Amino acid sequence: MSRVDLHSTALLATAYQDHRALLELEFSSRAVYHYFDVPPQIYQALLRVKSKGEYFNHHIRNRFAYTRSTLRRQLHFTMTESQPLS
């Protein structure tokens, strides 16, 4: 799935993979994080809400396992199934 710009002061962009329930977020600091087992409804709501940062703090932060990516601006999911997440 491709990158979606979020036009937010807290979050720059996101991408989501349905088959993996993987949410990828790029923050205004340019740090990229992967969040695991995120239901599609959470991703869809993030796209709809006015305050992306507030939604993140209340519905995503500290609720899903995550890892910080060592690659910047990766938000296009070019990985294959056999590649580990960074």
PDB file of N, CA and C in Angstrom:
ATOM      1  N   MET A   1       0.840  -1.173   0.000  1.00  0.00           N
ATOM      2  CA  MET A   1       0.000   0.000   0.000  1.00  0.00           C
ATOM      3  C   MET A   1       0.885   1.235   0.000  1.00  0.00           C
ATOM      4  N   SER A   2       0.390   2.310  -0.554  1.00  0.00           N
ATOM      5  CA  SER A   2       1.229   3.486  -0.679  1.00  0.00           C
ATOM      6  C   SER A   2       1.041   4.472   0.460  1.00  0.00           C
ATOM      7  N   ARG A   3       1.978   5.368   0.490  1.00  0.00           N
ATOM      8  CA  ARG A   3       2.046   6.403   1.514  1.00  0.00           C
ATOM      9  C   ARG A   3       0.876   7.369   1.383  1.00  0.00           C
ATOM     10  N   VAL A   4       0.370   7.793   2.549  1.00  0.00           N
ATOM     11  CA  VAL A   4      -0.690   8.802   2.608  1.00  0.00           C
ATOM     12  C   VAL A   4      -0.160   9.943   3.470  1.00  0.00           C
ATOM     13  N   ASP A   5      -0.057  11.144   2.895  1.00  0.00           N
ATOM     14  CA  ASP A   5       0.346  12.311   3.676  1.00  0.00           C
ATOM     15  C   ASP A   5      -0.794  12.692   4.609  1.00  0.00           C
ATOM     16  N   LEU A   6      -0.437  13.033   5.853  1.00  0.00           N
ATOM     17  CA  LEU A   6      -1.465  13.292   6.860  1.00  0.00           C
ATOM     18  C   LEU A   6      -1.727  14.768   7.137  1.00  0.00           C
ATOM     19  N   HIS A   7      -0.868  15.661   6.703  1.00  0.00           N
ATOM     20  CA  HIS A   7      -1.091  17.100   6.901  1.00  0.00           C
ATOM     21  C   HIS A   7      -1.371  17.410   8.370  1.00  0.00           C
ATOM     22  N   SER A   8      -0.490  16.938   9.225  1.00  0.00           N
ATOM     23  CA  SER A   8      -0.625  17.086  10.674  1.00  0.00           C
ATOM     24  C   SER A   8       0.687  17.623  11.235  1.00  0.00           C
ATOM     25  N   THR A   9       0.609  18.344  12.334  1.00  0.00           N
ATOM     26  CA  THR A   9       1.847  18.819  12.953  1.00  0.00           C
ATOM     27  C   THR A   9       2.594  17.688  13.659  1.00  0.00           C
ATOM     28  N   ALA A  10       1.905  16.649  14.077  1.00  0.00           N
ATOM     29  CA  ALA A  10       2.530  15.529  14.786  1.00  0.00           C
ATOM     30  C   ALA A  10       2.953  14.395  13.855  1.00  0.00           C
ATOM     31  N   LEU A  11       2.124  14.089  12.882  1.00  0.00           N
ATOM     32  CA  LEU A  11       2.352  12.950  11.985  1.00  0.00           C
ATOM     33  C   LEU A  11       2.426  13.433  10.539  1.00  0.00           C
ATOM     34  N   LEU A  12       3.490  13.033   9.854  1.00  0.00           N
ATOM     35  CA  LEU A  12       3.654  13.446   8.464  1.00  0.00           C
ATOM     36  C   LEU A  12       2.936  12.523   7.486  1.00  0.00           C
ATOM     37  N   ALA A  13       3.050  11.203   7.730  1.00  0.00           N
ATOM     38  CA  ALA A  13       2.510  10.252   6.751  1.00  0.00           C
ATOM     39  C   ALA A  13       2.233   8.908   7.413  1.00  0.00           C
ATOM     40  N   THR A  14       1.466   8.093   6.683  1.00  0.00           N
ATOM     41  CA  THR A  14       1.146   6.749   7.147  1.00  0.00           C
ATOM     42  C   THR A  14       1.034   5.809   5.957  1.00  0.00           C
ATOM     43  N   ALA A  15       1.088   4.537   6.245  1.00  0.00           N
ATOM     44  CA  ALA A  15       0.802   3.482   5.273  1.00  0.00           C
ATOM     45  C   ALA A  15       0.272   2.300   6.078  1.00  0.00           C
ATOM     46  N   TYR A  16      -0.481   1.420   5.420  1.00  0.00           N
ATOM     47  CA  TYR A  16      -1.090   0.296   6.130  1.00  0.00           C
ATOM     48  C   TYR A  16      -1.129  -0.922   5.222  1.00  0.00           C
ATOM     49  N   GLN A  17      -0.826  -2.080   5.785  1.00  0.00           N
ATOM     50  CA  GLN A  17      -0.930  -3.356   5.076  1.00  0.00           C
ATOM     51  C   GLN A  17      -2.014  -4.183   5.739  1.00  0.00           C
ATOM     52  N   ASP A  18      -3.113  -4.383   5.028  1.00  0.00           N
ATOM     53  CA  ASP A  18      -4.230  -5.169   5.564  1.00  0.00           C
ATOM     54  C   ASP A  18      -3.819  -6.581   5.944  1.00  0.00           C
ATOM     55  N   HIS A  19      -3.145  -7.273   5.035  1.00  0.00           N
ATOM     56  CA  HIS A  19      -2.840  -8.686   5.278  1.00  0.00           C
ATOM     57  C   HIS A  19      -1.875  -8.894   6.440  1.00  0.00           C
ATOM     58  N   ARG A  20      -1.173  -7.865   6.843  1.00  0.00           N
ATOM     59  CA  ARG A  20      -0.282  -7.957   7.993  1.00  0.00           C
ATOM     60  C   ARG A  20      -0.802  -7.190   9.208  1.00  0.00           C
ATOM     61  N   ALA A  21      -1.851  -6.403   9.025  1.00  0.00           N
ATOM     62  CA  ALA A  21      -2.361  -5.511  10.072  1.00  0.00           C
ATOM     63  C   ALA A  21      -1.215  -4.650  10.602  1.00  0.00           C
ATOM     64  N   LEU A  22      -0.431  -4.131   9.673  1.00  0.00           N
ATOM     65  CA  LEU A  22       0.772  -3.355   9.984  1.00  0.00           C
ATOM     66  C   LEU A  22       0.547  -1.890   9.642  1.00  0.00           C
ATOM     67  N   LEU A  23       0.684  -1.057  10.640  1.00  0.00           N
ATOM     68  CA  LEU A  23       0.551   0.388  10.481  1.00  0.00           C
ATOM     69  C   LEU A  23       1.937   0.998  10.550  1.00  0.00           C
ATOM     70  N   GLU A  24       2.253   1.824   9.584  1.00  0.00           N
ATOM     71  CA  GLU A  24       3.523   2.517   9.578  1.00  0.00           C
ATOM     72  C   GLU A  24       3.241   4.006   9.687  1.00  0.00           C
ATOM     73  N   LEU A  25       3.919   4.668  10.612  1.00  0.00           N
ATOM     74  CA  LEU A  25       3.724   6.103  10.835  1.00  0.00           C
ATOM     75  C   LEU A  25       5.056   6.830  10.755  1.00  0.00           C
ATOM     76  N   GLU A  26       5.046   7.956  10.050  1.00  0.00           N
ATOM     77  CA  GLU A  26       6.197   8.846  10.046  1.00  0.00           C
ATOM     78  C   GLU A  26       5.814  10.087  10.842  1.00  0.00           C
ATOM     79  N   PHE A  27       6.596  10.371  11.865  1.00  0.00           N
ATOM     80  CA  PHE A  27       6.337  11.508  12.743  1.00  0.00           C
ATOM     81  C   PHE A  27       7.017  12.766  12.214  1.00  0.00           C
ATOM     82  N   SER A  28       6.658  13.892  12.774  1.00  0.00           N
ATOM     83  CA  SER A  28       7.241  15.161  12.327  1.00  0.00           C
ATOM     84  C   SER A  28       8.753  15.199  12.549  1.00  0.00           C
ATOM     85  N   SER A  29       9.257  14.379  13.457  1.00  0.00           N
ATOM     86  CA  SER A  29      10.696  14.264  13.695  1.00  0.00           C
ATOM     87  C   SER A  29      11.392  13.461  12.599  1.00  0.00           C
ATOM     88  N   ARG A  30      10.607  12.909  11.679  1.00  0.00           N
ATOM     89  CA  ARG A  30      11.057  12.030  10.588  1.00  0.00           C
ATOM     90  C   ARG A  30      11.315  10.602  11.050  1.00  0.00           C
ATOM     91  N   ALA A  31      11.070  10.303  12.312  1.00  0.00           N
ATOM     92  CA  ALA A  31      11.185   8.927  12.794  1.00  0.00           C
ATOM     93  C   ALA A  31      10.017   8.118  12.238  1.00  0.00           C
ATOM     94  N   VAL A  32      10.306   6.889  11.836  1.00  0.00           N
ATOM     95  CA  VAL A  32       9.292   5.998  11.281  1.00  0.00           C
ATOM     96  C   VAL A  32       9.136   4.806  12.217  1.00  0.00           C
ATOM     97  N   TYR A  33       7.890   4.512  12.571  1.00  0.00           N
ATOM     98  CA  TYR A  33       7.573   3.392  13.458  1.00  0.00           C
ATOM     99  C   TYR A  33       6.596   2.451  12.783  1.00  0.00           C
ATOM    100  N   HIS A  34       6.748   1.146  13.076  1.00  0.00           N
ATOM    101  CA  HIS A  34       5.814   0.113  12.625  1.00  0.00           C
ATOM    102  C   HIS A  34       5.013  -0.346  13.837  1.00  0.00           C
ATOM    103  N   TYR A  35       3.700  -0.383  13.711  1.00  0.00           N
ATOM    104  CA  TYR A  35       2.803  -0.849  14.771  1.00  0.00           C
ATOM    105  C   TYR A  35       2.131  -2.130  14.286  1.00  0.00           C
ATOM    106  N   PHE A  36       2.132  -3.154  15.145  1.00  0.00           N
ATOM    107  CA  PHE A  36       1.691  -4.490  14.756  1.00  0.00           C
ATOM    108  C   PHE A  36       0.286  -4.807  15.263  1.00  0.00           C
ATOM    109  N   ASP A  37      -0.420  -5.621  14.492  1.00  0.00           N
ATOM    110  CA  ASP A  37      -1.767  -6.100  14.840  1.00  0.00           C
ATOM    111  C   ASP A  37      -2.757  -4.955  15.030  1.00  0.00           C
ATOM    112  N   VAL A  38      -2.632  -3.949  14.191  1.00  0.00           N
ATOM    113  CA  VAL A  38      -3.528  -2.791  14.241  1.00  0.00           C
ATOM    114  C   VAL A  38      -4.744  -3.088  13.358  1.00  0.00           C
ATOM    115  N   PRO A  39      -5.934  -3.086  13.921  1.00  0.00           N
ATOM    116  CA  PRO A  39      -7.131  -3.339  13.112  1.00  0.00           C
ATOM    117  C   PRO A  39      -7.313  -2.260  12.036  1.00  0.00           C
ATOM    118  N   PRO A  40      -7.864  -2.632  10.905  1.00  0.00           N
ATOM    119  CA  PRO A  40      -8.057  -1.649   9.830  1.00  0.00           C
ATOM    120  C   PRO A  40      -8.923  -0.469  10.252  1.00  0.00           C
ATOM    121  N   GLN A  41      -9.825  -0.680  11.204  1.00  0.00           N
ATOM    122  CA  GLN A  41     -10.692   0.412  11.660  1.00  0.00           C
ATOM    123  C   GLN A  41      -9.881   1.530  12.320  1.00  0.00           C
ATOM    124  N   ILE A  42      -8.798   1.161  12.996  1.00  0.00           N
ATOM    125  CA  ILE A  42      -7.929   2.159  13.632  1.00  0.00           C
ATOM    126  C   ILE A  42      -7.268   3.012  12.548  1.00  0.00           C
ATOM    127  N   TYR A  43      -6.747   2.366  11.530  1.00  0.00           N
ATOM    128  CA  TYR A  43      -6.121   3.089  10.416  1.00  0.00           C
ATOM    129  C   TYR A  43      -7.129   4.000   9.716  1.00  0.00           C
ATOM    130  N   GLN A  44      -8.289   3.479   9.418  1.00  0.00           N
ATOM    131  CA  GLN A  44      -9.312   4.270   8.720  1.00  0.00           C
ATOM    132  C   GLN A  44      -9.747   5.473   9.557  1.00  0.00           C
ATOM    133  N   ALA A  45      -9.886   5.277  10.858  1.00  0.00           N
ATOM    134  CA  ALA A  45     -10.259   6.390  11.737  1.00  0.00           C
ATOM    135  C   ALA A  45      -9.152   7.440  11.770  1.00  0.00           C
ATOM    136  N   LEU A  46      -7.895   7.004  11.793  1.00  0.00           N
ATOM    137  CA  LEU A  46      -6.773   7.941  11.787  1.00  0.00           C
ATOM    138  C   LEU A  46      -6.841   8.851  10.561  1.00  0.00           C
ATOM    139  N   LEU A  47      -7.207   8.289   9.438  1.00  0.00           N
ATOM    140  CA  LEU A  47      -7.308   9.084   8.211  1.00  0.00           C
ATOM    141  C   LEU A  47      -8.443  10.102   8.282  1.00  0.00           C
ATOM    142  N   ARG A  48      -9.495   9.798   9.027  1.00  0.00           N
ATOM    143  CA  ARG A  48     -10.690  10.655   9.073  1.00  0.00           C
ATOM    144  C   ARG A  48     -10.643  11.764  10.115  1.00  0.00           C
ATOM    145  N   VAL A  49      -9.981  11.521  11.243  1.00  0.00           N
ATOM    146  CA  VAL A  49     -10.053  12.471  12.351  1.00  0.00           C
ATOM    147  C   VAL A  49      -9.317  13.766  12.040  1.00  0.00           C
ATOM    148  N   LYS A  50      -9.746  14.832  12.694  1.00  0.00           N
ATOM    149  CA  LYS A  50      -9.120  16.144  12.496  1.00  0.00           C
ATOM    150  C   LYS A  50      -7.752  16.212  13.180  1.00  0.00           C
ATOM    151  N   SER A  51      -7.675  15.768  14.441  1.00  0.00           N
ATOM    152  CA  SER A  51      -6.419  15.829  15.187  1.00  0.00           C
ATOM    153  C   SER A  51      -5.732  14.458  15.164  1.00  0.00           C
ATOM    154  N   LYS A  52      -4.776  14.309  14.268  1.00  0.00           N
ATOM    155  CA  LYS A  52      -4.057  13.034  14.124  1.00  0.00           C
ATOM    156  C   LYS A  52      -3.241  12.721  15.384  1.00  0.00           C
ATOM    157  N   GLY A  53      -2.583  13.740  15.945  1.00  0.00           N
ATOM    158  CA  GLY A  53      -1.767  13.525  17.136  1.00  0.00           C
ATOM    159  C   GLY A  53      -2.594  13.090  18.331  1.00  0.00           C
ATOM    160  N   GLU A  54      -3.729  13.725  18.520  1.00  0.00           N
ATOM    161  CA  GLU A  54      -4.610  13.344  19.626  1.00  0.00           C
ATOM    162  C   GLU A  54      -5.133  11.933  19.432  1.00  0.00           C
ATOM    163  N   TYR A  55      -5.517  11.592  18.213  1.00  0.00           N
ATOM    164  CA  TYR A  55      -6.001  10.240  17.943  1.00  0.00           C
ATOM    165  C   TYR A  55      -4.891   9.226  18.217  1.00  0.00           C
ATOM    166  N   PHE A  56      -3.677   9.519  17.749  1.00  0.00           N
ATOM    167  CA  PHE A  56      -2.548   8.628  17.991  1.00  0.00           C
ATOM    168  C   PHE A  56      -2.351   8.402  19.501  1.00  0.00           C
ATOM    169  N   ASN A  57      -2.344   9.490  20.268  1.00  0.00           N
ATOM    170  CA  ASN A  57      -2.118   9.381  21.716  1.00  0.00           C
ATOM    171  C   ASN A  57      -3.200   8.580  22.426  1.00  0.00           C
ATOM    172  N   HIS A  58      -4.428   8.642  21.970  1.00  0.00           N
ATOM    173  CA  HIS A  58      -5.538   7.968  22.661  1.00  0.00           C
ATOM    174  C   HIS A  58      -5.837   6.570  22.136  1.00  0.00           C
ATOM    175  N   HIS A  59      -5.481   6.276  20.886  1.00  0.00           N
ATOM    176  CA  HIS A  59      -5.915   5.012  20.284  1.00  0.00           C
ATOM    177  C   HIS A  59      -4.801   4.110  19.768  1.00  0.00           C
ATOM    178  N   ILE A  60      -3.585   4.641  19.664  1.00  0.00           N
ATOM    179  CA  ILE A  60      -2.489   3.833  19.114  1.00  0.00           C
ATOM    180  C   ILE A  60      -1.324   3.734  20.095  1.00  0.00           C
ATOM    181  N   ARG A  61      -0.866   4.861  20.592  1.00  0.00           N
ATOM    182  CA  ARG A  61       0.277   4.896  21.498  1.00  0.00           C
ATOM    183  C   ARG A  61       0.032   4.011  22.727  1.00  0.00           C
ATOM    184  N   ASN A  62       1.009   3.189  23.041  1.00  0.00           N
ATOM    185  CA  ASN A  62       0.975   2.269  24.186  1.00  0.00           C
ATOM    186  C   ASN A  62      -0.130   1.215  24.096  1.00  0.00           C
ATOM    187  N   ARG A  63      -0.711   1.014  22.925  1.00  0.00           N
ATOM    188  CA  ARG A  63      -1.759   0.001  22.760  1.00  0.00           C
ATOM    189  C   ARG A  63      -1.348  -1.136  21.827  1.00  0.00           C
ATOM    190  N   PHE A  64      -0.307  -0.914  21.039  1.00  0.00           N
ATOM    191  CA  PHE A  64       0.144  -1.920  20.076  1.00  0.00           C
ATOM    192  C   PHE A  64       1.653  -2.083  20.181  1.00  0.00           C
ATOM    193  N   ALA A  65       2.100  -3.309  19.940  1.00  0.00           N
ATOM    194  CA  ALA A  65       3.543  -3.549  19.868  1.00  0.00           C
ATOM    195  C   ALA A  65       4.088  -2.761  18.685  1.00  0.00           C
ATOM    196  N   TYR A  66       5.321  -2.278  18.815  1.00  0.00           N
ATOM    197  CA  TYR A  66       5.887  -1.464  17.746  1.00  0.00           C
ATOM    198  C   TYR A  66       7.394  -1.616  17.699  1.00  0.00           C
ATOM    199  N   THR A  67       7.956  -1.142  16.619  1.00  0.00           N
ATOM    200  CA  THR A  67       9.399  -1.053  16.473  1.00  0.00           C
ATOM    201  C   THR A  67       9.714   0.207  15.683  1.00  0.00           C
ATOM    202  N   ARG A  68      10.845   0.797  15.991  1.00  0.00           N
ATOM    203  CA  ARG A  68      11.282   1.970  15.237  1.00  0.00           C
ATOM    204  C   ARG A  68      12.100   1.509  14.038  1.00  0.00           C
ATOM    205  N   SER A  69      11.810   2.066  12.898  1.00  0.00           N
ATOM    206  CA  SER A  69      12.534   1.714  11.690  1.00  0.00           C
ATOM    207  C   SER A  69      13.864   2.438  11.662  1.00  0.00           C
ATOM    208  N   THR A  70      14.880   1.750  11.187  1.00  0.00           N
ATOM    209  CA  THR A  70      16.174   2.389  11.014  1.00  0.00           C
ATOM    210  C   THR A  70      16.276   3.072   9.658  1.00  0.00           C
ATOM    211  N   LEU A  71      15.312   2.803   8.794  1.00  0.00           N
ATOM    212  CA  LEU A  71      15.270   3.436   7.475  1.00  0.00           C
ATOM    213  C   LEU A  71      14.317   4.613   7.516  1.00  0.00           C
ATOM    214  N   ARG A  72      14.716   5.725   6.974  1.00  0.00           N
ATOM    215  CA  ARG A  72      13.857   6.896   6.968  1.00  0.00           C
ATOM    216  C   ARG A  72      12.981   6.885   5.722  1.00  0.00           C
ATOM    217  N   ARG A  73      11.793   7.414   5.869  1.00  0.00           N
ATOM    218  CA  ARG A  73      10.837   7.602   4.780  1.00  0.00           C
ATOM    219  C   ARG A  73      10.625   6.316   3.979  1.00  0.00           C
ATOM    220  N   GLN A  74      10.389   5.254   4.675  1.00  0.00           N
ATOM    221  CA  GLN A  74      10.185   3.948   4.065  1.00  0.00           C
ATOM    222  C   GLN A  74       8.740   3.739   3.635  1.00  0.00           C
ATOM    223  N   LEU A  75       7.875   4.635   3.871  1.00  0.00           N
ATOM    224  CA  LEU A  75       6.436   4.462   3.818  1.00  0.00           C
ATOM    225  C   LEU A  75       5.865   4.063   2.461  1.00  0.00           C
ATOM    226  N   HIS A  76       6.332   2.983   1.931  1.00  0.00           N
ATOM    227  CA  HIS A  76       5.732   2.481   0.700  1.00  0.00           C
ATOM    228  C   HIS A  76       5.695   0.966   0.657  1.00  0.00           C
ATOM    229  N   PHE A  77       6.153   0.301   1.682  1.00  0.00           N
ATOM    230  CA  PHE A  77       6.082  -1.156   1.821  1.00  0.00           C
ATOM    231  C   PHE A  77       6.623  -1.892   0.597  1.00  0.00           C
ATOM    232  N   THR A  78       7.888  -1.716   0.328  1.00  0.00           N
ATOM    233  CA  THR A  78       8.512  -2.438  -0.763  1.00  0.00           C
ATOM    234  C   THR A  78       9.081  -3.770  -0.298  1.00  0.00           C
ATOM    235  N   MET A  79       8.929  -4.084   0.982  1.00  0.00           N
ATOM    236  CA  MET A  79       9.458  -5.331   1.525  1.00  0.00           C
ATOM    237  C   MET A  79       8.694  -6.526   0.961  1.00  0.00           C
ATOM    238  N   THR A  80       9.388  -7.633   0.841  1.00  0.00           N
ATOM    239  CA  THR A  80       8.716  -8.868   0.489  1.00  0.00           C
ATOM    240  C   THR A  80       8.361  -9.596   1.772  1.00  0.00           C
ATOM    241  N   GLU A  81       7.578 -10.649   1.683  1.00  0.00           N
ATOM    242  CA  GLU A  81       7.155 -11.395   2.864  1.00  0.00           C
ATOM    243  C   GLU A  81       8.336 -11.953   3.641  1.00  0.00           C
ATOM    244  N   SER A  82       9.437 -12.263   2.970  1.00  0.00           N
ATOM    245  CA  SER A  82      10.558 -12.901   3.662  1.00  0.00           C
ATOM    246  C   SER A  82      11.488 -11.897   4.331  1.00  0.00           C
ATOM    247  N   GLN A  83      11.335 -10.614   4.049  1.00  0.00           N
ATOM    248  CA  GLN A  83      12.201  -9.624   4.647  1.00  0.00           C
ATOM    249  C   GLN A  83      11.731  -9.261   6.040  1.00  0.00           C
ATOM    250  N   PRO A  84      12.656  -9.150   6.995  1.00  0.00           N
ATOM    251  CA  PRO A  84      12.258  -8.731   8.338  1.00  0.00           C
ATOM    252  C   PRO A  84      11.919  -7.243   8.353  1.00  0.00           C
ATOM    253  N   LEU A  85      11.098  -6.854   9.287  1.00  0.00           N
ATOM    254  CA  LEU A  85      10.805  -5.452   9.470  1.00  0.00           C
ATOM    255  C   LEU A  85      11.977  -4.796  10.159  1.00  0.00           C
ATOM    256  N   SER A  86      12.311  -3.584   9.759  1.00  0.00           N
ATOM    257  CA  SER A  86      13.406  -2.899  10.432  1.00  0.00           C
ATOM    258  C   SER A  86      12.867  -1.892  11.406  1.00  0.00           C
TER     259      SER A  86
END
